[in-house]
N, C-alpha and C. Protein backbone atom coordinates (compact mmCIF):
# COMPACT_ATOMS: atom_id res chain seq x y z
N UNK A 1 -184.81 -20.22 8.42
CA UNK A 1 -185.53 -19.07 8.89
C UNK A 1 -184.76 -17.83 8.44
N UNK A 2 -185.46 -16.92 7.79
CA UNK A 2 -184.82 -15.72 7.29
C UNK A 2 -185.22 -14.54 8.16
N UNK A 3 -184.24 -13.75 8.59
CA UNK A 3 -184.50 -12.57 9.41
C UNK A 3 -184.39 -11.32 8.56
N UNK A 4 -185.30 -10.41 8.76
CA UNK A 4 -185.29 -9.15 8.03
C UNK A 4 -184.86 -8.04 8.99
N UNK A 5 -183.64 -7.57 8.85
CA UNK A 5 -183.12 -6.53 9.73
C UNK A 5 -183.08 -5.17 9.03
N UNK A 6 -184.02 -4.93 8.17
CA UNK A 6 -184.02 -3.65 7.47
C UNK A 6 -184.27 -2.51 8.48
N UNK A 7 -183.88 -1.32 8.11
CA UNK A 7 -183.98 -0.17 8.98
C UNK A 7 -185.43 0.12 9.37
N UNK A 8 -186.38 -0.23 8.52
CA UNK A 8 -187.78 0.04 8.83
C UNK A 8 -188.29 -0.85 9.95
N UNK A 9 -187.74 -2.05 10.08
CA UNK A 9 -188.19 -2.92 11.16
C UNK A 9 -187.49 -2.61 12.48
N UNK A 10 -186.28 -2.10 12.43
CA UNK A 10 -185.52 -1.86 13.65
C UNK A 10 -185.91 -0.52 14.28
N UNK A 11 -186.07 0.48 13.45
CA UNK A 11 -186.33 1.82 13.99
C UNK A 11 -187.74 2.27 13.65
N UNK A 12 -188.41 2.78 14.60
CA UNK A 12 -189.74 3.33 14.43
C UNK A 12 -189.61 4.81 14.05
N UNK A 13 -190.45 5.36 13.20
CA UNK A 13 -190.34 6.77 12.85
C UNK A 13 -190.62 7.70 14.03
N UNK A 14 -191.33 7.23 15.02
CA UNK A 14 -191.65 8.05 16.21
C UNK A 14 -190.85 7.53 17.39
N UNK A 15 -189.61 7.96 17.51
CA UNK A 15 -188.77 7.47 18.60
C UNK A 15 -189.05 8.27 19.86
N UNK A 16 -188.95 7.62 20.99
CA UNK A 16 -189.15 8.28 22.27
C UNK A 16 -190.62 8.51 22.58
N UNK A 17 -190.82 9.14 23.73
CA UNK A 17 -192.18 9.41 24.17
C UNK A 17 -192.68 10.73 23.63
N UNK A 18 -193.97 10.84 23.52
CA UNK A 18 -194.60 12.08 23.10
C UNK A 18 -194.46 13.11 24.23
N UNK A 19 -194.24 14.36 23.86
CA UNK A 19 -194.09 15.42 24.86
C UNK A 19 -195.42 15.63 25.57
N UNK A 20 -195.39 15.56 26.88
CA UNK A 20 -196.61 15.74 27.66
C UNK A 20 -197.07 17.18 27.67
N UNK A 21 -198.35 17.38 27.93
CA UNK A 21 -198.90 18.73 27.98
C UNK A 21 -198.55 19.37 29.31
N UNK A 22 -198.25 20.65 29.26
CA UNK A 22 -197.91 21.42 30.45
C UNK A 22 -199.04 22.41 30.74
N UNK A 23 -199.23 22.70 32.02
CA UNK A 23 -200.20 23.71 32.43
C UNK A 23 -199.57 25.08 32.29
N UNK A 24 -200.27 26.00 31.65
CA UNK A 24 -199.82 27.39 31.63
C UNK A 24 -200.95 28.27 32.16
N UNK A 25 -200.59 29.43 32.70
CA UNK A 25 -201.58 30.29 33.33
C UNK A 25 -202.24 31.25 32.35
N UNK A 26 -201.51 31.69 31.35
CA UNK A 26 -202.08 32.66 30.43
C UNK A 26 -201.39 32.61 29.08
N UNK A 27 -202.11 33.02 28.08
CA UNK A 27 -201.54 33.17 26.75
C UNK A 27 -201.18 34.65 26.62
N UNK A 28 -199.94 34.96 26.29
CA UNK A 28 -199.53 36.37 26.25
C UNK A 28 -200.25 37.14 25.14
N UNK A 29 -200.55 38.41 25.43
CA UNK A 29 -201.20 39.26 24.44
C UNK A 29 -200.24 39.59 23.30
N UNK A 30 -198.99 39.87 23.65
CA UNK A 30 -197.97 40.18 22.65
C UNK A 30 -197.17 38.91 22.43
N UNK A 31 -197.15 38.44 21.21
CA UNK A 31 -196.48 37.17 20.93
C UNK A 31 -195.29 37.30 20.00
N UNK A 32 -194.93 38.50 19.63
CA UNK A 32 -193.81 38.66 18.71
C UNK A 32 -193.00 39.89 19.12
N UNK A 33 -191.70 39.72 19.27
CA UNK A 33 -190.78 40.80 19.60
C UNK A 33 -189.73 40.83 18.51
N UNK A 34 -189.58 41.98 17.89
CA UNK A 34 -188.63 42.10 16.79
C UNK A 34 -187.54 43.10 17.13
N UNK A 35 -186.31 42.73 16.84
CA UNK A 35 -185.20 43.65 16.98
C UNK A 35 -185.29 44.68 15.86
N UNK A 36 -184.77 45.85 16.11
CA UNK A 36 -184.80 46.89 15.10
C UNK A 36 -184.05 46.43 13.86
N UNK A 37 -184.71 46.49 12.72
CA UNK A 37 -184.08 46.10 11.46
C UNK A 37 -184.08 44.61 11.19
N UNK A 38 -184.63 43.79 12.10
CA UNK A 38 -184.65 42.33 11.89
C UNK A 38 -185.80 41.97 10.96
N UNK A 39 -185.60 40.95 10.16
CA UNK A 39 -186.67 40.50 9.27
C UNK A 39 -187.54 39.48 10.00
N UNK A 40 -188.78 39.41 9.58
CA UNK A 40 -189.75 38.50 10.20
C UNK A 40 -189.36 37.04 9.99
N UNK A 41 -188.62 36.77 8.94
CA UNK A 41 -188.22 35.41 8.61
C UNK A 41 -187.20 34.88 9.61
N UNK A 42 -186.34 35.76 10.13
CA UNK A 42 -185.28 35.34 11.04
C UNK A 42 -185.72 35.14 12.48
N UNK A 43 -186.99 35.33 12.80
CA UNK A 43 -187.47 35.24 14.18
C UNK A 43 -187.30 33.83 14.73
N UNK A 44 -186.88 33.75 15.98
CA UNK A 44 -186.72 32.48 16.68
C UNK A 44 -188.06 32.12 17.31
N UNK A 45 -188.49 30.89 17.15
CA UNK A 45 -189.77 30.45 17.67
C UNK A 45 -189.61 29.86 19.07
N UNK A 46 -190.47 30.30 19.98
CA UNK A 46 -190.45 29.85 21.38
C UNK A 46 -191.86 29.37 21.72
N UNK A 47 -191.97 28.24 22.42
CA UNK A 47 -193.29 27.70 22.73
C UNK A 47 -193.89 28.40 23.95
N UNK A 48 -195.19 28.25 24.10
CA UNK A 48 -195.91 28.87 25.23
C UNK A 48 -195.41 28.31 26.57
N UNK A 49 -195.11 27.00 26.60
CA UNK A 49 -194.66 26.42 27.86
C UNK A 49 -193.24 26.85 28.21
N UNK A 50 -192.42 27.15 27.23
CA UNK A 50 -191.09 27.68 27.52
C UNK A 50 -191.20 29.08 28.12
N UNK A 51 -192.12 29.89 27.59
CA UNK A 51 -192.35 31.22 28.15
C UNK A 51 -192.87 31.11 29.59
N UNK A 52 -193.77 30.17 29.83
CA UNK A 52 -194.32 29.97 31.17
C UNK A 52 -193.22 29.56 32.15
N UNK A 53 -192.28 28.73 31.71
CA UNK A 53 -191.16 28.32 32.57
C UNK A 53 -190.31 29.53 32.95
N UNK A 54 -190.03 30.40 31.99
CA UNK A 54 -189.24 31.61 32.29
C UNK A 54 -190.02 32.53 33.22
N UNK A 55 -191.32 32.66 33.00
CA UNK A 55 -192.14 33.51 33.86
C UNK A 55 -192.14 33.03 35.31
N UNK A 56 -192.31 31.73 35.49
CA UNK A 56 -192.38 31.19 36.84
C UNK A 56 -191.06 31.32 37.59
N UNK A 57 -189.95 31.02 36.92
CA UNK A 57 -188.66 31.00 37.61
C UNK A 57 -188.01 32.39 37.66
N UNK A 58 -187.95 33.06 36.54
CA UNK A 58 -187.21 34.32 36.48
C UNK A 58 -188.03 35.53 36.91
N UNK A 59 -189.33 35.51 36.69
CA UNK A 59 -190.16 36.65 37.06
C UNK A 59 -190.77 36.49 38.45
N UNK A 60 -191.31 35.31 38.74
CA UNK A 60 -191.97 35.07 40.03
C UNK A 60 -191.04 34.48 41.08
N UNK A 61 -189.81 34.19 40.74
CA UNK A 61 -188.80 33.66 41.66
C UNK A 61 -189.20 32.35 42.34
N UNK A 62 -189.91 31.49 41.62
CA UNK A 62 -190.18 30.15 42.15
C UNK A 62 -188.95 29.29 41.91
N UNK A 63 -188.74 28.31 42.79
CA UNK A 63 -187.65 27.39 42.49
C UNK A 63 -188.16 26.38 41.46
N UNK A 64 -187.24 25.66 40.86
CA UNK A 64 -187.61 24.81 39.73
C UNK A 64 -188.56 23.68 40.14
N UNK A 65 -188.41 23.16 41.32
CA UNK A 65 -189.28 22.07 41.75
C UNK A 65 -190.72 22.56 41.91
N UNK A 66 -190.88 23.74 42.50
CA UNK A 66 -192.20 24.31 42.70
C UNK A 66 -192.83 24.69 41.35
N UNK A 67 -192.04 25.28 40.46
CA UNK A 67 -192.53 25.67 39.14
C UNK A 67 -192.92 24.43 38.33
N UNK A 68 -192.14 23.36 38.44
CA UNK A 68 -192.47 22.12 37.73
C UNK A 68 -193.80 21.57 38.23
N UNK A 69 -194.04 21.68 39.54
CA UNK A 69 -195.30 21.24 40.12
C UNK A 69 -196.47 22.03 39.52
N UNK A 70 -196.33 23.35 39.41
CA UNK A 70 -197.39 24.19 38.85
C UNK A 70 -197.66 23.87 37.39
N UNK A 71 -196.62 23.46 36.66
CA UNK A 71 -196.82 23.13 35.24
C UNK A 71 -197.21 21.66 35.04
N UNK A 72 -197.14 20.87 36.11
CA UNK A 72 -197.58 19.49 36.02
C UNK A 72 -196.60 18.55 35.34
N UNK A 73 -195.29 18.84 35.47
CA UNK A 73 -194.26 18.00 34.87
C UNK A 73 -193.18 17.71 35.90
N UNK A 74 -192.27 16.80 35.57
CA UNK A 74 -191.15 16.51 36.46
C UNK A 74 -190.11 17.63 36.33
N UNK A 75 -189.19 17.67 37.28
CA UNK A 75 -188.16 18.72 37.28
C UNK A 75 -187.29 18.68 36.03
N UNK A 76 -186.96 17.50 35.56
CA UNK A 76 -186.11 17.37 34.37
C UNK A 76 -186.79 17.96 33.14
N UNK A 77 -188.07 17.64 32.95
CA UNK A 77 -188.81 18.19 31.81
C UNK A 77 -188.91 19.70 31.93
N UNK A 78 -189.15 20.19 33.15
CA UNK A 78 -189.23 21.64 33.36
C UNK A 78 -187.88 22.28 33.07
N UNK A 79 -186.81 21.67 33.56
CA UNK A 79 -185.47 22.21 33.35
C UNK A 79 -185.17 22.30 31.86
N UNK A 80 -185.55 21.27 31.09
CA UNK A 80 -185.33 21.30 29.64
C UNK A 80 -186.07 22.46 29.00
N UNK A 81 -187.33 22.68 29.39
CA UNK A 81 -188.10 23.80 28.86
C UNK A 81 -187.44 25.13 29.22
N UNK A 82 -186.99 25.26 30.45
CA UNK A 82 -186.38 26.51 30.92
C UNK A 82 -185.07 26.79 30.19
N UNK A 83 -184.22 25.77 30.04
CA UNK A 83 -182.95 25.97 29.36
C UNK A 83 -183.15 26.29 27.88
N UNK A 84 -184.10 25.61 27.23
CA UNK A 84 -184.40 25.92 25.83
C UNK A 84 -184.87 27.37 25.69
N UNK A 85 -185.72 27.80 26.58
CA UNK A 85 -186.24 29.18 26.53
C UNK A 85 -185.12 30.19 26.74
N UNK A 86 -184.28 29.96 27.73
CA UNK A 86 -183.20 30.90 28.00
C UNK A 86 -182.21 30.98 26.84
N UNK A 87 -181.93 29.85 26.20
CA UNK A 87 -181.04 29.86 25.04
C UNK A 87 -181.65 30.64 23.89
N UNK A 88 -182.94 30.47 23.67
CA UNK A 88 -183.62 31.18 22.59
C UNK A 88 -183.65 32.68 22.85
N UNK A 89 -183.92 33.07 24.10
CA UNK A 89 -183.95 34.49 24.45
C UNK A 89 -182.56 35.10 24.28
N UNK A 90 -181.54 34.39 24.76
CA UNK A 90 -180.17 34.89 24.63
C UNK A 90 -179.77 35.01 23.16
N UNK A 91 -180.12 34.03 22.35
CA UNK A 91 -179.77 34.08 20.93
C UNK A 91 -180.47 35.26 20.24
N UNK A 92 -181.73 35.50 20.60
CA UNK A 92 -182.46 36.63 20.00
C UNK A 92 -181.81 37.95 20.39
N UNK A 93 -181.36 38.08 21.63
CA UNK A 93 -180.73 39.32 22.07
C UNK A 93 -179.34 39.50 21.46
N UNK A 94 -178.56 38.46 21.47
CA UNK A 94 -177.18 38.56 21.00
C UNK A 94 -177.11 38.74 19.48
N UNK A 95 -177.91 37.98 18.75
CA UNK A 95 -177.83 38.01 17.30
C UNK A 95 -178.80 39.01 16.66
N UNK A 96 -179.61 39.67 17.48
CA UNK A 96 -180.52 40.69 16.96
C UNK A 96 -181.63 40.16 16.09
N UNK A 97 -182.14 38.98 16.41
CA UNK A 97 -183.26 38.43 15.65
C UNK A 97 -184.54 38.65 16.45
N UNK A 98 -185.65 38.35 15.83
CA UNK A 98 -186.93 38.46 16.51
C UNK A 98 -187.20 37.23 17.37
N UNK A 99 -188.21 37.34 18.21
CA UNK A 99 -188.62 36.23 19.06
C UNK A 99 -190.13 36.09 18.91
N UNK A 100 -190.58 34.93 18.47
CA UNK A 100 -192.00 34.68 18.26
C UNK A 100 -192.45 33.60 19.23
N UNK A 101 -193.53 33.87 19.96
CA UNK A 101 -194.06 32.92 20.93
C UNK A 101 -195.29 32.27 20.30
N UNK A 102 -195.20 30.95 20.09
CA UNK A 102 -196.28 30.26 19.38
C UNK A 102 -196.24 28.77 19.68
N UNK A 103 -197.39 28.16 19.57
CA UNK A 103 -197.50 26.71 19.61
C UNK A 103 -197.12 26.08 20.93
N UNK A 104 -196.85 24.81 20.88
CA UNK A 104 -196.48 24.06 22.05
C UNK A 104 -197.53 23.03 22.41
N UNK A 105 -197.30 22.35 23.50
CA UNK A 105 -198.22 21.33 23.99
C UNK A 105 -198.62 21.73 25.41
N UNK A 106 -199.73 22.45 25.54
CA UNK A 106 -200.10 22.99 26.84
C UNK A 106 -201.59 22.91 27.07
N UNK A 107 -201.96 23.08 28.34
CA UNK A 107 -203.36 23.18 28.76
C UNK A 107 -203.46 24.51 29.50
N UNK A 108 -204.43 25.30 29.13
CA UNK A 108 -204.62 26.60 29.76
C UNK A 108 -205.38 26.43 31.07
N UNK A 109 -204.84 26.98 32.14
CA UNK A 109 -205.53 26.91 33.44
C UNK A 109 -206.86 27.63 33.35
N UNK A 110 -207.86 27.07 34.04
CA UNK A 110 -209.17 27.70 34.02
C UNK A 110 -209.99 27.28 32.82
N UNK A 111 -209.48 26.36 32.03
CA UNK A 111 -210.21 25.87 30.87
C UNK A 111 -211.16 24.76 31.26
N UNK A 112 -211.40 23.87 30.32
CA UNK A 112 -212.31 22.76 30.57
C UNK A 112 -211.69 21.77 31.54
N UNK A 113 -212.54 21.03 32.23
CA UNK A 113 -212.06 20.00 33.14
C UNK A 113 -213.09 19.75 34.21
N UNK A 114 -212.81 18.85 35.09
CA UNK A 114 -213.74 18.57 36.17
C UNK A 114 -213.71 19.70 37.18
N UNK A 115 -214.69 19.71 38.07
CA UNK A 115 -214.76 20.77 39.08
C UNK A 115 -213.56 20.71 40.01
N UNK A 116 -213.13 19.49 40.38
CA UNK A 116 -211.97 19.37 41.27
C UNK A 116 -210.72 19.93 40.59
N UNK A 117 -210.52 19.61 39.34
CA UNK A 117 -209.36 20.13 38.61
C UNK A 117 -209.47 21.65 38.47
N UNK A 118 -210.67 22.15 38.22
CA UNK A 118 -210.86 23.59 38.07
C UNK A 118 -210.57 24.30 39.39
N UNK A 119 -211.03 23.71 40.50
CA UNK A 119 -210.77 24.31 41.81
C UNK A 119 -209.28 24.29 42.15
N UNK A 120 -208.62 23.19 41.85
CA UNK A 120 -207.18 23.10 42.08
C UNK A 120 -206.44 24.12 41.23
N UNK A 121 -206.81 24.20 39.97
CA UNK A 121 -206.16 25.17 39.07
C UNK A 121 -206.42 26.59 39.56
N UNK A 122 -207.62 26.87 40.00
CA UNK A 122 -207.97 28.21 40.50
C UNK A 122 -207.15 28.56 41.75
N UNK A 123 -207.03 27.59 42.66
CA UNK A 123 -206.23 27.82 43.88
C UNK A 123 -204.76 28.07 43.53
N UNK A 124 -204.22 27.26 42.63
CA UNK A 124 -202.84 27.44 42.23
C UNK A 124 -202.64 28.77 41.52
N UNK A 125 -203.60 29.16 40.71
CA UNK A 125 -203.51 30.45 40.01
C UNK A 125 -203.55 31.60 41.03
N UNK A 126 -204.40 31.47 42.05
CA UNK A 126 -204.46 32.51 43.09
C UNK A 126 -203.14 32.60 43.84
N UNK A 127 -202.54 31.46 44.15
CA UNK A 127 -201.24 31.46 44.82
C UNK A 127 -200.18 32.15 43.96
N UNK A 128 -200.18 31.85 42.68
CA UNK A 128 -199.23 32.49 41.78
C UNK A 128 -199.48 33.99 41.68
N UNK A 129 -200.74 34.39 41.60
CA UNK A 129 -201.05 35.81 41.52
C UNK A 129 -200.66 36.54 42.80
N UNK A 130 -200.92 35.91 43.94
CA UNK A 130 -200.52 36.52 45.21
C UNK A 130 -199.01 36.68 45.28
N UNK A 131 -198.29 35.69 44.83
CA UNK A 131 -196.83 35.77 44.84
C UNK A 131 -196.34 36.85 43.87
N UNK A 132 -196.95 36.92 42.70
CA UNK A 132 -196.58 37.95 41.73
C UNK A 132 -196.92 39.34 42.27
N UNK A 133 -198.06 39.48 42.93
CA UNK A 133 -198.46 40.76 43.51
C UNK A 133 -197.48 41.18 44.61
N UNK A 134 -197.07 40.24 45.46
CA UNK A 134 -196.10 40.56 46.51
C UNK A 134 -194.77 40.98 45.91
N UNK A 135 -194.36 40.32 44.85
CA UNK A 135 -193.12 40.68 44.17
C UNK A 135 -193.21 42.09 43.59
N UNK A 136 -194.33 42.40 42.95
CA UNK A 136 -194.53 43.73 42.39
C UNK A 136 -194.60 44.80 43.49
N UNK A 137 -195.24 44.46 44.61
CA UNK A 137 -195.34 45.40 45.73
C UNK A 137 -193.95 45.70 46.30
N UNK A 138 -193.12 44.67 46.46
CA UNK A 138 -191.77 44.90 47.00
C UNK A 138 -190.92 45.69 46.01
N UNK A 139 -191.12 45.45 44.72
CA UNK A 139 -190.40 46.22 43.69
C UNK A 139 -190.81 47.69 43.73
N UNK A 140 -192.12 47.95 43.88
CA UNK A 140 -192.62 49.31 43.97
C UNK A 140 -192.09 50.01 45.21
N UNK A 141 -192.04 49.30 46.32
CA UNK A 141 -191.50 49.87 47.56
C UNK A 141 -190.02 50.21 47.40
N UNK A 142 -189.27 49.34 46.76
CA UNK A 142 -187.85 49.58 46.52
C UNK A 142 -187.65 50.81 45.64
N UNK A 143 -188.47 50.93 44.58
CA UNK A 143 -188.37 52.10 43.71
C UNK A 143 -188.75 53.38 44.44
N UNK A 144 -189.74 53.31 45.33
CA UNK A 144 -190.13 54.47 46.13
C UNK A 144 -189.00 54.93 47.04
N UNK A 145 -188.31 53.99 47.66
CA UNK A 145 -187.18 54.33 48.52
C UNK A 145 -186.05 54.96 47.72
N UNK A 146 -185.80 54.45 46.53
CA UNK A 146 -184.75 55.04 45.68
C UNK A 146 -185.11 56.46 45.27
N UNK A 147 -186.40 56.68 44.96
CA UNK A 147 -186.83 58.03 44.58
C UNK A 147 -186.67 59.00 45.74
N UNK A 148 -187.05 58.58 46.94
CA UNK A 148 -186.90 59.43 48.12
C UNK A 148 -185.43 59.76 48.38
N UNK A 149 -184.56 58.78 48.19
CA UNK A 149 -183.13 59.02 48.39
C UNK A 149 -182.60 60.02 47.36
N UNK A 150 -183.05 59.90 46.13
CA UNK A 150 -182.62 60.84 45.10
C UNK A 150 -183.16 62.24 45.35
N UNK A 151 -184.39 62.34 45.84
CA UNK A 151 -184.96 63.64 46.18
C UNK A 151 -184.20 64.27 47.34
N UNK A 152 -183.81 63.44 48.31
CA UNK A 152 -183.03 63.93 49.45
C UNK A 152 -181.68 64.45 49.01
N UNK A 153 -181.05 63.74 48.08
CA UNK A 153 -179.76 64.20 47.57
C UNK A 153 -179.92 65.50 46.79
N UNK A 154 -181.02 65.65 46.08
CA UNK A 154 -181.26 66.85 45.29
C UNK A 154 -181.48 68.06 46.21
N UNK A 155 -182.17 67.89 47.33
CA UNK A 155 -182.40 68.98 48.28
C UNK A 155 -181.11 69.46 48.92
N UNK A 156 -180.22 68.52 49.27
CA UNK A 156 -178.95 68.92 49.89
C UNK A 156 -178.05 69.62 48.89
N UNK A 157 -178.14 69.25 47.62
CA UNK A 157 -177.34 69.92 46.58
C UNK A 157 -177.84 71.33 46.29
N UNK A 158 -179.16 71.56 46.41
CA UNK A 158 -179.72 72.87 46.06
C UNK A 158 -179.62 73.88 47.20
N UNK A 159 -179.41 73.44 48.46
CA UNK A 159 -179.27 74.36 49.59
C UNK A 159 -177.91 75.04 49.53
N UNK A 160 -177.88 76.37 49.87
CA UNK A 160 -176.58 77.07 49.84
C UNK A 160 -175.65 76.53 50.92
N UNK A 161 -174.41 76.56 50.63
CA UNK A 161 -173.39 76.03 51.54
C UNK A 161 -173.12 77.08 52.62
N UNK A 162 -173.37 76.76 53.89
CA UNK A 162 -173.17 77.68 55.01
C UNK A 162 -171.70 77.98 55.22
N UNK A 163 -170.80 77.08 54.91
CA UNK A 163 -169.35 77.29 55.11
C UNK A 163 -168.84 78.41 54.21
N UNK A 164 -169.38 78.58 53.02
CA UNK A 164 -168.89 79.62 52.12
C UNK A 164 -169.27 81.00 52.62
N UNK A 165 -170.39 81.14 53.34
CA UNK A 165 -170.82 82.43 53.90
C UNK A 165 -169.91 82.84 55.06
N UNK A 166 -169.52 81.89 55.89
CA UNK A 166 -168.70 82.20 57.06
C UNK A 166 -167.31 82.65 56.65
N UNK A 167 -166.80 82.18 55.58
CA UNK A 167 -165.44 82.48 55.15
C UNK A 167 -165.36 83.89 54.57
N UNK A 168 -166.45 84.46 54.09
CA UNK A 168 -166.41 85.79 53.50
C UNK A 168 -166.30 86.79 54.55
């Protein structure tokens, strides 16, 4: 009996599992950011699901488990997407290259699907929007308080000093 242990029989060209599709809420309107003087060829490519991972965790302040649930993946897969995205963003900032958002394996929320899936996606999207709105509202309130404090400091600086009048 002759055994054939050639590399073609031992290793398959498609190793591992296929990357599963992730749920994303929106496709960004602006998909390319270029550093001043950077060439289009040097742009780092980032997938839509990596951008969604950064949006959920860093912008909306969801924890990774909750964000992974919204994207329909396990925490490990979500963590991989998040770390890849953060590395790409850091490299683009540090090395002054462009950042291009394109491609990936995703399903857009609110797209085709059964009514139950559409209702679930709609509810989850509303929860995310409410959370994002609350975050924006608290940010606006914080900025308003800072502006009032700066205006108060400006008024006290512009009023004449009463101590200087008494000394004359």
